[in-house]
Amino acid sequence: MSLLDDLLADLASGDESRAEAAASELAQLGDSALFALRALLESSDTDQRWWAVRTLAQIPGVDAGLFLAALSDFSVEVRQAAALALAAHPLEEAAPLLVRALNDADSMVGTLSANALIAIGKPAVPILLGALESASRSARIHMMRALAEMRDHRAIPAMMKAMEADSAMVNYWANEGLERLGLNMVYIKPE
């Protein structure tokens, strides 16, 4: 058996400490481990898919497109790992899928997807603004937080409108966004 085969066996062993050590070593192998890790992304075993995403995320310069399918995985843990991986490896093309993931039933997937959108930055702003009106309340909170963190002037009208929202958290992030853009001042008309 080769070193790669040994590491892959450790990764799939079910022993968390062995798998963690193998993930680090496989990540150091870089391109030579990619083919095998890509195959694990298609595994019927949830644990193997999770470890594949986890390991690939450690490889500098990895093609972040590898994480896109995992954002829709039936396993919440795999979806979380994919969103976290996309935060570490921002990919503009992932923005529509990440915006959709803000509506995930798992709140952690939503939070990690918002973090990935923040990492993508300004290119994600039009997609966020386009989805804001039809989003669920929890997704709107994530969207407004992302927009506040991005500090993009294109979001000002949406933030102003959100100041009237019936959600305290949407209102908070809208106010925070306006403050970060320097628009939090109250002007009093002199008498």
N, C-alpha and C. Protein backbone atom coordinates (compact mmCIF):
# COMPACT_ATOMS: atom_id res chain seq x y z
N MET A 1 0.84 -1.19 0.00
CA MET A 1 0.00 0.00 0.00
C MET A 1 0.88 1.24 0.00
N SER A 2 0.44 2.26 -0.73
CA SER A 2 1.19 3.51 -0.80
C SER A 2 0.82 4.39 0.40
N LEU A 3 1.61 5.45 0.58
CA LEU A 3 1.32 6.42 1.63
C LEU A 3 -0.07 7.00 1.43
N LEU A 4 -0.43 7.34 0.19
CA LEU A 4 -1.74 7.90 -0.10
C LEU A 4 -2.84 6.93 0.32
N ASP A 5 -2.69 5.65 -0.02
CA ASP A 5 -3.69 4.66 0.36
C ASP A 5 -3.82 4.55 1.88
N ASP A 6 -2.69 4.57 2.56
CA ASP A 6 -2.70 4.50 4.03
C ASP A 6 -3.43 5.70 4.62
N LEU A 7 -3.14 6.88 4.10
CA LEU A 7 -3.78 8.08 4.62
C LEU A 7 -5.28 8.08 4.34
N LEU A 8 -5.67 7.62 3.17
CA LEU A 8 -7.09 7.54 2.85
C LEU A 8 -7.80 6.53 3.74
N ALA A 9 -7.13 5.43 4.05
CA ALA A 9 -7.71 4.44 4.97
C ALA A 9 -7.89 5.05 6.36
N ASP A 10 -6.90 5.84 6.80
CA ASP A 10 -7.02 6.51 8.10
C ASP A 10 -8.15 7.54 8.08
N LEU A 11 -8.28 8.24 6.98
CA LEU A 11 -9.32 9.26 6.84
C LEU A 11 -10.71 8.62 6.96
N ALA A 12 -10.86 7.43 6.43
CA ALA A 12 -12.15 6.73 6.42
C ALA A 12 -12.30 5.75 7.58
N SER A 13 -11.36 5.77 8.51
CA SER A 13 -11.33 4.77 9.58
C SER A 13 -12.44 4.90 10.61
N GLY A 14 -13.02 6.07 10.75
CA GLY A 14 -14.00 6.27 11.81
C GLY A 14 -13.37 6.69 13.12
N ASP A 15 -12.02 6.67 13.16
CA ASP A 15 -11.28 7.12 14.34
C ASP A 15 -10.93 8.59 14.11
N GLU A 16 -11.53 9.47 14.90
CA GLU A 16 -11.39 10.90 14.66
C GLU A 16 -9.95 11.39 14.73
N SER A 17 -9.17 10.91 15.67
CA SER A 17 -7.78 11.40 15.77
C SER A 17 -6.95 10.92 14.58
N ARG A 18 -7.16 9.67 14.15
CA ARG A 18 -6.45 9.17 12.96
C ARG A 18 -6.87 9.95 11.72
N ALA A 19 -8.17 10.20 11.61
CA ALA A 19 -8.68 10.92 10.44
C ALA A 19 -8.15 12.35 10.42
N GLU A 20 -8.10 13.00 11.57
CA GLU A 20 -7.59 14.38 11.63
C GLU A 20 -6.12 14.44 11.21
N ALA A 21 -5.34 13.51 11.69
CA ALA A 21 -3.92 13.46 11.31
C ALA A 21 -3.79 13.20 9.81
N ALA A 22 -4.60 12.28 9.30
CA ALA A 22 -4.56 11.96 7.87
C ALA A 22 -4.98 13.16 7.03
N ALA A 23 -5.99 13.90 7.49
CA ALA A 23 -6.46 15.08 6.75
C ALA A 23 -5.33 16.09 6.60
N SER A 24 -4.58 16.31 7.67
CA SER A 24 -3.46 17.26 7.60
C SER A 24 -2.39 16.78 6.63
N GLU A 25 -2.06 15.51 6.69
CA GLU A 25 -1.03 14.97 5.79
C GLU A 25 -1.50 14.96 4.34
N LEU A 26 -2.76 14.61 4.12
CA LEU A 26 -3.29 14.62 2.76
C LEU A 26 -3.30 16.03 2.18
N ALA A 27 -3.64 17.00 3.01
CA ALA A 27 -3.63 18.39 2.55
C ALA A 27 -2.23 18.81 2.14
N GLN A 28 -1.22 18.32 2.84
CA GLN A 28 0.16 18.66 2.49
C GLN A 28 0.57 18.01 1.18
N LEU A 29 -0.06 16.90 0.84
CA LEU A 29 0.25 16.25 -0.45
C LEU A 29 -0.29 17.06 -1.63
N GLY A 30 -1.32 17.89 -1.35
CA GLY A 30 -1.86 18.78 -2.38
C GLY A 30 -2.41 18.06 -3.58
N ASP A 31 -1.92 18.44 -4.75
CA ASP A 31 -2.46 17.93 -6.02
C ASP A 31 -2.44 16.42 -6.13
N SER A 32 -1.45 15.78 -5.51
CA SER A 32 -1.36 14.32 -5.64
C SER A 32 -2.48 13.60 -4.89
N ALA A 33 -3.15 14.31 -3.98
CA ALA A 33 -4.26 13.70 -3.24
C ALA A 33 -5.62 14.11 -3.81
N LEU A 34 -5.63 15.06 -4.74
CA LEU A 34 -6.90 15.61 -5.23
C LEU A 34 -7.84 14.57 -5.84
N PHE A 35 -7.31 13.71 -6.69
CA PHE A 35 -8.17 12.74 -7.38
C PHE A 35 -8.89 11.86 -6.37
N ALA A 36 -8.17 11.37 -5.38
CA ALA A 36 -8.76 10.49 -4.37
C ALA A 36 -9.77 11.24 -3.50
N LEU A 37 -9.45 12.48 -3.15
CA LEU A 37 -10.37 13.27 -2.32
C LEU A 37 -11.63 13.63 -3.09
N ARG A 38 -11.49 13.91 -4.37
CA ARG A 38 -12.66 14.20 -5.20
C ARG A 38 -13.59 12.98 -5.25
N ALA A 39 -13.00 11.80 -5.32
CA ALA A 39 -13.81 10.58 -5.33
C ALA A 39 -14.58 10.43 -4.01
N LEU A 40 -13.95 10.81 -2.90
CA LEU A 40 -14.64 10.74 -1.61
C LEU A 40 -15.81 11.70 -1.51
N LEU A 41 -15.76 12.79 -2.25
CA LEU A 41 -16.89 13.73 -2.26
C LEU A 41 -18.17 13.06 -2.77
N GLU A 42 -18.01 12.00 -3.55
CA GLU A 42 -19.15 11.27 -4.13
C GLU A 42 -19.52 10.04 -3.32
N SER A 43 -18.85 9.80 -2.21
CA SER A 43 -19.09 8.61 -1.39
C SER A 43 -20.52 8.59 -0.85
N SER A 44 -21.05 7.40 -0.67
CA SER A 44 -22.37 7.27 -0.04
C SER A 44 -22.27 7.43 1.47
N ASP A 45 -21.05 7.40 1.99
CA ASP A 45 -20.82 7.54 3.43
C ASP A 45 -20.68 9.03 3.79
N THR A 46 -21.58 9.51 4.62
CA THR A 46 -21.58 10.92 5.02
C THR A 46 -20.26 11.33 5.64
N ASP A 47 -19.73 10.48 6.49
CA ASP A 47 -18.47 10.78 7.18
C ASP A 47 -17.34 10.99 6.18
N GLN A 48 -17.29 10.15 5.15
CA GLN A 48 -16.24 10.28 4.14
C GLN A 48 -16.40 11.58 3.34
N ARG A 49 -17.64 11.94 3.02
CA ARG A 49 -17.86 13.21 2.30
C ARG A 49 -17.42 14.38 3.18
N TRP A 50 -17.75 14.33 4.47
CA TRP A 50 -17.37 15.41 5.38
C TRP A 50 -15.85 15.54 5.46
N TRP A 51 -15.16 14.41 5.62
CA TRP A 51 -13.70 14.44 5.71
C TRP A 51 -13.07 14.90 4.39
N ALA A 52 -13.69 14.56 3.28
CA ALA A 52 -13.17 15.01 1.98
C ALA A 52 -13.25 16.54 1.89
N VAL A 53 -14.40 17.11 2.27
CA VAL A 53 -14.54 18.57 2.25
C VAL A 53 -13.56 19.19 3.22
N ARG A 54 -13.49 18.63 4.41
CA ARG A 54 -12.59 19.15 5.46
C ARG A 54 -11.14 19.15 4.99
N THR A 55 -10.73 18.10 4.36
CA THR A 55 -9.34 17.96 3.90
C THR A 55 -9.07 18.89 2.71
N LEU A 56 -9.97 18.90 1.75
CA LEU A 56 -9.79 19.77 0.58
C LEU A 56 -9.70 21.23 0.99
N ALA A 57 -10.45 21.62 2.01
CA ALA A 57 -10.44 23.01 2.47
C ALA A 57 -9.09 23.42 3.03
N GLN A 58 -8.29 22.46 3.43
CA GLN A 58 -6.96 22.75 3.97
C GLN A 58 -5.90 22.94 2.88
N ILE A 59 -6.23 22.62 1.66
CA ILE A 59 -5.26 22.69 0.56
C ILE A 59 -5.25 24.12 0.00
N PRO A 60 -4.12 24.81 0.12
CA PRO A 60 -4.06 26.17 -0.43
C PRO A 60 -4.30 26.17 -1.94
N GLY A 61 -5.11 27.13 -2.38
CA GLY A 61 -5.36 27.27 -3.81
C GLY A 61 -6.25 26.20 -4.42
N VAL A 62 -6.93 25.41 -3.59
CA VAL A 62 -7.80 24.36 -4.12
C VAL A 62 -8.93 25.00 -4.93
N ASP A 63 -9.42 24.28 -5.92
CA ASP A 63 -10.55 24.74 -6.73
C ASP A 63 -11.79 24.73 -5.84
N ALA A 64 -12.25 25.92 -5.46
CA ALA A 64 -13.39 26.02 -4.56
C ALA A 64 -14.68 25.50 -5.18
N GLY A 65 -14.69 25.33 -6.49
CA GLY A 65 -15.84 24.74 -7.15
C GLY A 65 -16.14 23.34 -6.66
N LEU A 66 -15.15 22.69 -6.07
CA LEU A 66 -15.35 21.35 -5.52
C LEU A 66 -16.36 21.34 -4.38
N PHE A 67 -16.58 22.48 -3.75
CA PHE A 67 -17.45 22.54 -2.57
C PHE A 67 -18.90 22.85 -2.92
N LEU A 68 -19.17 23.21 -4.17
CA LEU A 68 -20.51 23.67 -4.54
C LEU A 68 -21.57 22.59 -4.36
N ALA A 69 -21.32 21.40 -4.82
CA ALA A 69 -22.31 20.33 -4.68
C ALA A 69 -22.56 20.00 -3.21
N ALA A 70 -21.52 20.10 -2.40
CA ALA A 70 -21.65 19.78 -0.97
C ALA A 70 -22.56 20.76 -0.24
N LEU A 71 -22.77 21.96 -0.79
CA LEU A 71 -23.70 22.91 -0.17
C LEU A 71 -25.14 22.41 -0.20
N SER A 72 -25.42 21.46 -1.07
CA SER A 72 -26.77 20.90 -1.18
C SER A 72 -26.84 19.46 -0.68
N ASP A 73 -25.81 19.00 -0.01
CA ASP A 73 -25.77 17.63 0.51
C ASP A 73 -26.93 17.40 1.47
N PHE A 74 -27.41 16.16 1.56
CA PHE A 74 -28.50 15.88 2.49
C PHE A 74 -28.03 15.91 3.94
N SER A 75 -26.73 15.81 4.17
CA SER A 75 -26.19 15.85 5.52
C SER A 75 -25.89 17.29 5.94
N VAL A 76 -26.44 17.69 7.07
CA VAL A 76 -26.21 19.05 7.55
C VAL A 76 -24.72 19.28 7.84
N GLU A 77 -24.03 18.26 8.34
CA GLU A 77 -22.61 18.41 8.65
C GLU A 77 -21.79 18.67 7.40
N VAL A 78 -22.14 18.03 6.30
CA VAL A 78 -21.43 18.25 5.04
C VAL A 78 -21.74 19.65 4.51
N ARG A 79 -22.99 20.09 4.64
CA ARG A 79 -23.34 21.44 4.20
C ARG A 79 -22.58 22.48 5.03
N GLN A 80 -22.48 22.26 6.33
CA GLN A 80 -21.71 23.17 7.18
C GLN A 80 -20.25 23.23 6.75
N ALA A 81 -19.67 22.06 6.51
CA ALA A 81 -18.26 22.00 6.10
C ALA A 81 -18.05 22.71 4.77
N ALA A 82 -19.00 22.56 3.85
CA ALA A 82 -18.89 23.21 2.54
C ALA A 82 -18.95 24.73 2.68
N ALA A 83 -19.87 25.23 3.48
CA ALA A 83 -19.98 26.67 3.68
C ALA A 83 -18.71 27.22 4.34
N LEU A 84 -18.19 26.49 5.31
CA LEU A 84 -16.95 26.90 5.97
C LEU A 84 -15.79 26.89 4.98
N ALA A 85 -15.74 25.88 4.13
CA ALA A 85 -14.68 25.80 3.11
C ALA A 85 -14.77 26.97 2.14
N LEU A 86 -15.99 27.37 1.78
CA LEU A 86 -16.15 28.50 0.85
C LEU A 86 -15.82 29.83 1.52
N ALA A 87 -15.91 29.90 2.82
CA ALA A 87 -15.46 31.10 3.52
C ALA A 87 -13.94 31.19 3.48
N ALA A 88 -13.28 30.05 3.51
CA ALA A 88 -11.82 30.01 3.45
C ALA A 88 -11.31 30.16 2.02
N HIS A 89 -12.14 29.75 1.04
CA HIS A 89 -11.78 29.80 -0.38
C HIS A 89 -12.91 30.49 -1.14
N PRO A 90 -13.05 31.82 -0.99
CA PRO A 90 -14.18 32.53 -1.60
C PRO A 90 -14.23 32.33 -3.11
N LEU A 91 -15.44 32.10 -3.59
CA LEU A 91 -15.66 31.86 -5.01
C LEU A 91 -16.90 32.64 -5.43
N GLU A 92 -16.71 33.64 -6.27
CA GLU A 92 -17.82 34.49 -6.69
C GLU A 92 -18.97 33.69 -7.27
N GLU A 93 -18.67 32.64 -8.02
CA GLU A 93 -19.71 31.82 -8.64
C GLU A 93 -20.56 31.09 -7.60
N ALA A 94 -20.08 30.99 -6.38
CA ALA A 94 -20.83 30.30 -5.32
C ALA A 94 -21.90 31.18 -4.69
N ALA A 95 -21.87 32.48 -4.96
CA ALA A 95 -22.78 33.41 -4.28
C ALA A 95 -24.25 33.01 -4.39
N PRO A 96 -24.78 32.68 -5.56
CA PRO A 96 -26.20 32.30 -5.61
C PRO A 96 -26.53 31.08 -4.74
N LEU A 97 -25.65 30.10 -4.73
CA LEU A 97 -25.88 28.92 -3.90
C LEU A 97 -25.77 29.26 -2.42
N LEU A 98 -24.84 30.14 -2.08
CA LEU A 98 -24.70 30.54 -0.68
C LEU A 98 -25.91 31.35 -0.22
N VAL A 99 -26.45 32.19 -1.10
CA VAL A 99 -27.65 32.94 -0.74
C VAL A 99 -28.80 31.96 -0.50
N ARG A 100 -28.91 30.96 -1.33
CA ARG A 100 -29.94 29.93 -1.13
C ARG A 100 -29.72 29.21 0.20
N ALA A 101 -28.45 28.95 0.54
CA ALA A 101 -28.12 28.25 1.78
C ALA A 101 -28.44 29.08 3.02
N LEU A 102 -28.63 30.38 2.87
CA LEU A 102 -29.02 31.21 4.01
C LEU A 102 -30.38 30.80 4.55
N ASN A 103 -31.18 30.13 3.72
CA ASN A 103 -32.50 29.64 4.12
C ASN A 103 -32.46 28.23 4.69
N ASP A 104 -31.27 27.67 4.85
CA ASP A 104 -31.14 26.30 5.34
C ASP A 104 -31.85 26.14 6.68
N ALA A 105 -32.43 24.97 6.89
CA ALA A 105 -33.11 24.69 8.16
C ALA A 105 -32.13 24.72 9.33
N ASP A 106 -30.86 24.48 9.06
CA ASP A 106 -29.83 24.52 10.10
C ASP A 106 -29.26 25.93 10.19
N SER A 107 -29.37 26.54 11.34
CA SER A 107 -28.92 27.94 11.49
C SER A 107 -27.42 28.09 11.29
N MET A 108 -26.65 27.05 11.62
CA MET A 108 -25.19 27.13 11.43
C MET A 108 -24.84 27.19 9.95
N VAL A 109 -25.55 26.46 9.11
CA VAL A 109 -25.32 26.54 7.67
C VAL A 109 -25.56 27.96 7.20
N GLY A 110 -26.63 28.58 7.69
CA GLY A 110 -26.92 29.97 7.33
C GLY A 110 -25.82 30.92 7.77
N THR A 111 -25.37 30.77 9.00
CA THR A 111 -24.30 31.64 9.52
C THR A 111 -23.01 31.46 8.73
N LEU A 112 -22.63 30.22 8.47
CA LEU A 112 -21.38 29.96 7.73
C LEU A 112 -21.50 30.41 6.27
N SER A 113 -22.70 30.30 5.69
CA SER A 113 -22.91 30.77 4.33
C SER A 113 -22.79 32.30 4.27
N ALA A 114 -23.32 32.97 5.28
CA ALA A 114 -23.16 34.44 5.35
C ALA A 114 -21.69 34.80 5.45
N ASN A 115 -20.94 34.05 6.24
CA ASN A 115 -19.50 34.30 6.35
C ASN A 115 -18.81 34.13 4.99
N ALA A 116 -19.23 33.12 4.24
CA ALA A 116 -18.64 32.89 2.92
C ALA A 116 -19.00 34.04 1.97
N LEU A 117 -20.23 34.53 2.06
CA LEU A 117 -20.62 35.68 1.23
C LEU A 117 -19.82 36.91 1.59
N ILE A 118 -19.58 37.11 2.87
CA ILE A 118 -18.75 38.24 3.31
C ILE A 118 -17.35 38.10 2.74
N ALA A 119 -16.83 36.88 2.72
CA ALA A 119 -15.50 36.65 2.17
C ALA A 119 -15.47 36.94 0.66
N ILE A 120 -16.56 36.65 -0.04
CA ILE A 120 -16.64 36.96 -1.47
C ILE A 120 -16.65 38.48 -1.64
N GLY A 121 -17.37 39.16 -0.78
CA GLY A 121 -17.37 40.62 -0.77
C GLY A 121 -18.30 41.24 -1.78
N LYS A 122 -17.90 42.37 -2.30
CA LYS A 122 -18.74 43.23 -3.15
C LYS A 122 -19.38 42.53 -4.35
N PRO A 123 -18.74 41.55 -4.98
CA PRO A 123 -19.42 40.88 -6.10
C PRO A 123 -20.72 40.18 -5.69
N ALA A 124 -20.88 39.86 -4.39
CA ALA A 124 -22.08 39.18 -3.92
C ALA A 124 -23.21 40.15 -3.60
N VAL A 125 -22.93 41.45 -3.54
CA VAL A 125 -23.93 42.43 -3.13
C VAL A 125 -25.17 42.41 -4.03
N PRO A 126 -25.06 42.46 -5.36
CA PRO A 126 -26.28 42.46 -6.19
C PRO A 126 -27.13 41.20 -5.98
N ILE A 127 -26.51 40.08 -5.76
CA ILE A 127 -27.25 38.84 -5.55
C ILE A 127 -28.00 38.90 -4.22
N LEU A 128 -27.34 39.42 -3.19
CA LEU A 128 -27.99 39.58 -1.89
C LEU A 128 -29.16 40.55 -1.99
N LEU A 129 -28.94 41.67 -2.63
CA LEU A 129 -30.00 42.67 -2.76
C LEU A 129 -31.19 42.13 -3.56
N GLY A 130 -30.90 41.34 -4.57
CA GLY A 130 -31.97 40.76 -5.38
C GLY A 130 -32.80 39.73 -4.64
N ALA A 131 -32.22 39.08 -3.65
CA ALA A 131 -32.92 38.03 -2.91
C ALA A 131 -33.55 38.52 -1.62
N LEU A 132 -33.23 39.72 -1.21
CA LEU A 132 -33.62 40.23 0.11
C LEU A 132 -35.13 40.25 0.32
N GLU A 133 -35.88 40.75 -0.64
CA GLU A 133 -37.33 40.92 -0.48
C GLU A 133 -38.06 39.59 -0.29
N SER A 134 -37.64 38.55 -0.98
CA SER A 134 -38.37 37.28 -0.93
C SER A 134 -37.79 36.30 0.10
N ALA A 135 -36.80 36.72 0.84
CA ALA A 135 -36.13 35.82 1.79
C ALA A 135 -36.94 35.64 3.07
N SER A 136 -36.69 34.52 3.72
CA SER A 136 -37.30 34.27 5.02
C SER A 136 -36.71 35.25 6.04
N ARG A 137 -37.32 35.35 7.19
CA ARG A 137 -36.82 36.26 8.22
C ARG A 137 -35.39 35.91 8.63
N SER A 138 -35.11 34.63 8.85
CA SER A 138 -33.76 34.25 9.27
C SER A 138 -32.74 34.55 8.16
N ALA A 139 -33.13 34.31 6.92
CA ALA A 139 -32.23 34.61 5.81
C ALA A 139 -31.99 36.11 5.69
N ARG A 140 -33.04 36.92 5.92
CA ARG A 140 -32.87 38.38 5.86
C ARG A 140 -31.89 38.87 6.94
N ILE A 141 -31.92 38.23 8.08
CA ILE A 141 -30.96 38.59 9.14
C ILE A 141 -29.54 38.33 8.65
N HIS A 142 -29.32 37.13 8.10
CA HIS A 142 -27.99 36.79 7.57
C HIS A 142 -27.59 37.73 6.44
N MET A 143 -28.53 38.04 5.56
CA MET A 143 -28.24 38.92 4.43
C MET A 143 -27.86 40.32 4.90
N MET A 144 -28.61 40.83 5.85
CA MET A 144 -28.33 42.19 6.33
C MET A 144 -26.99 42.22 7.06
N ARG A 145 -26.67 41.14 7.80
CA ARG A 145 -25.35 41.08 8.46
C ARG A 145 -24.25 41.09 7.42
N ALA A 146 -24.43 40.28 6.37
CA ALA A 146 -23.42 40.23 5.31
C ALA A 146 -23.27 41.60 4.64
N LEU A 147 -24.38 42.24 4.34
CA LEU A 147 -24.31 43.56 3.71
C LEU A 147 -23.65 44.58 4.62
N ALA A 148 -23.93 44.50 5.92
CA ALA A 148 -23.30 45.41 6.88
C ALA A 148 -21.79 45.21 6.89
N GLU A 149 -21.36 43.97 6.88
CA GLU A 149 -19.93 43.65 6.90
C GLU A 149 -19.23 44.08 5.61
N MET A 150 -19.95 44.03 4.49
CA MET A 150 -19.36 44.36 3.19
C MET A 150 -19.17 45.86 2.98
N ARG A 151 -19.96 46.66 3.67
CA ARG A 151 -19.83 48.12 3.59
C ARG A 151 -19.90 48.64 2.16
N ASP A 152 -20.93 48.24 1.46
CA ASP A 152 -21.11 48.64 0.07
C ASP A 152 -22.26 49.64 -0.02
N HIS A 153 -22.00 50.79 -0.64
CA HIS A 153 -23.00 51.84 -0.73
C HIS A 153 -24.25 51.43 -1.50
N ARG A 154 -24.16 50.43 -2.36
CA ARG A 154 -25.34 49.97 -3.10
C ARG A 154 -26.41 49.41 -2.16
N ALA A 155 -26.02 49.04 -0.94
CA ALA A 155 -26.97 48.45 0.01
C ALA A 155 -27.70 49.50 0.84
N ILE A 156 -27.34 50.76 0.71
CA ILE A 156 -27.95 51.81 1.54
C ILE A 156 -29.48 51.83 1.44
N PRO A 157 -30.07 51.84 0.24
CA PRO A 157 -31.54 51.86 0.19
C PRO A 157 -32.18 50.66 0.91
N ALA A 158 -31.59 49.49 0.75
CA ALA A 158 -32.13 48.30 1.43
C ALA A 158 -31.97 48.41 2.95
N MET A 159 -30.86 48.98 3.38
CA MET A 159 -30.64 49.17 4.82
C MET A 159 -31.61 50.19 5.39
N MET A 160 -31.86 51.25 4.64
CA MET A 160 -32.81 52.27 5.10
C MET A 160 -34.21 51.66 5.22
N LYS A 161 -34.58 50.88 4.24
CA LYS A 161 -35.89 50.22 4.28
C LYS A 161 -35.96 49.23 5.44
N ALA A 162 -34.86 48.53 5.69
CA ALA A 162 -34.83 47.54 6.77
C ALA A 162 -34.91 48.17 8.15
N MET A 163 -34.63 49.46 8.25
CA MET A 163 -34.75 50.14 9.54
C MET A 163 -36.21 50.13 10.02
N GLU A 164 -37.13 49.93 9.09
CA GLU A 164 -38.55 49.87 9.43
C GLU A 164 -39.04 48.43 9.58
N ALA A 165 -38.13 47.46 9.50
CA ALA A 165 -38.51 46.05 9.57
C ALA A 165 -39.06 45.69 10.94
N ASP A 166 -39.89 44.65 10.96
CA ASP A 166 -40.45 44.21 12.23
C ASP A 166 -39.53 43.22 12.96
N SER A 167 -38.36 43.00 12.42
CA SER A 167 -37.39 42.11 13.04
C SER A 167 -36.29 42.95 13.71
N ALA A 168 -36.14 42.76 15.01
CA ALA A 168 -35.11 43.51 15.74
C ALA A 168 -33.71 43.22 15.20
N MET A 169 -33.46 41.98 14.80
CA MET A 169 -32.12 41.62 14.30
C MET A 169 -31.86 42.21 12.91
N VAL A 170 -32.87 42.21 12.05
CA VAL A 170 -32.70 42.84 10.73
C VAL A 170 -32.45 44.33 10.94
N ASN A 171 -33.22 44.93 11.83
CA ASN A 171 -33.06 46.34 12.14
C ASN A 171 -31.68 46.63 12.70
N TYR A 172 -31.21 45.76 13.60
CA TYR A 172 -29.88 45.94 14.19
C TYR A 172 -28.80 45.94 13.12
N TRP A 173 -28.82 44.93 12.23
CA TRP A 173 -27.78 44.83 11.21
C TRP A 173 -27.88 45.94 10.18
N ALA A 174 -29.10 46.40 9.89
CA ALA A 174 -29.26 47.53 8.98
C ALA A 174 -28.64 48.78 9.60
N ASN A 175 -28.92 49.00 10.87
CA ASN A 175 -28.35 50.14 11.58
C ASN A 175 -26.83 50.03 11.64
N GLU A 176 -26.34 48.85 11.92
CA GLU A 176 -24.89 48.60 11.97
C GLU A 176 -24.26 48.89 10.61
N GLY A 177 -24.91 48.44 9.54
CA GLY A 177 -24.40 48.69 8.20
C GLY A 177 -24.34 50.16 7.87
N LEU A 178 -25.40 50.88 8.21
CA LEU A 178 -25.42 52.32 7.96
C LEU A 178 -24.35 53.02 8.78
N GLU A 179 -24.17 52.57 10.00
CA GLU A 179 -23.13 53.15 10.86
C GLU A 179 -21.75 52.93 10.26
N ARG A 180 -21.50 51.73 9.76
CA ARG A 180 -20.20 51.41 9.17
C ARG A 180 -19.95 52.22 7.89
N LEU A 181 -21.03 52.62 7.24
CA LEU A 181 -20.91 53.45 6.05
C LEU A 181 -20.88 54.95 6.38
N GLY A 182 -20.93 55.24 7.68
CA GLY A 182 -20.88 56.64 8.12
C GLY A 182 -22.19 57.38 7.96
N LEU A 183 -23.29 56.64 7.90
CA LEU A 183 -24.59 57.26 7.68
C LEU A 183 -25.49 57.18 8.91
N ASN A 184 -24.89 57.14 10.07
CA ASN A 184 -25.68 56.98 11.28
C ASN A 184 -25.96 58.29 11.99
N MET A 185 -25.56 59.39 11.41
CA MET A 185 -25.72 60.68 12.07
C MET A 185 -27.16 61.16 12.01
N VAL A 186 -27.57 61.80 13.05
CA VAL A 186 -28.90 62.39 13.10
C VAL A 186 -28.72 63.89 12.90
N TYR A 187 -29.40 64.42 11.93
CA TYR A 187 -29.29 65.85 11.66
C TYR A 187 -30.50 66.56 12.26
N ILE A 188 -30.25 67.59 13.00
CA ILE A 188 -31.30 68.39 13.61
C ILE A 188 -31.32 69.74 12.92
N LYS A 189 -32.47 70.09 12.46
CA LYS A 189 -32.62 71.36 11.76
C LYS A 189 -32.48 72.50 12.78
N PRO A 190 -31.55 73.42 12.56
CA PRO A 190 -31.40 74.52 13.50
C PRO A 190 -32.63 75.42 13.46
N GLU A 191 -32.95 76.00 14.61
CA GLU A 191 -34.13 76.86 14.69
C GLU A 191 -33.77 78.28 14.37
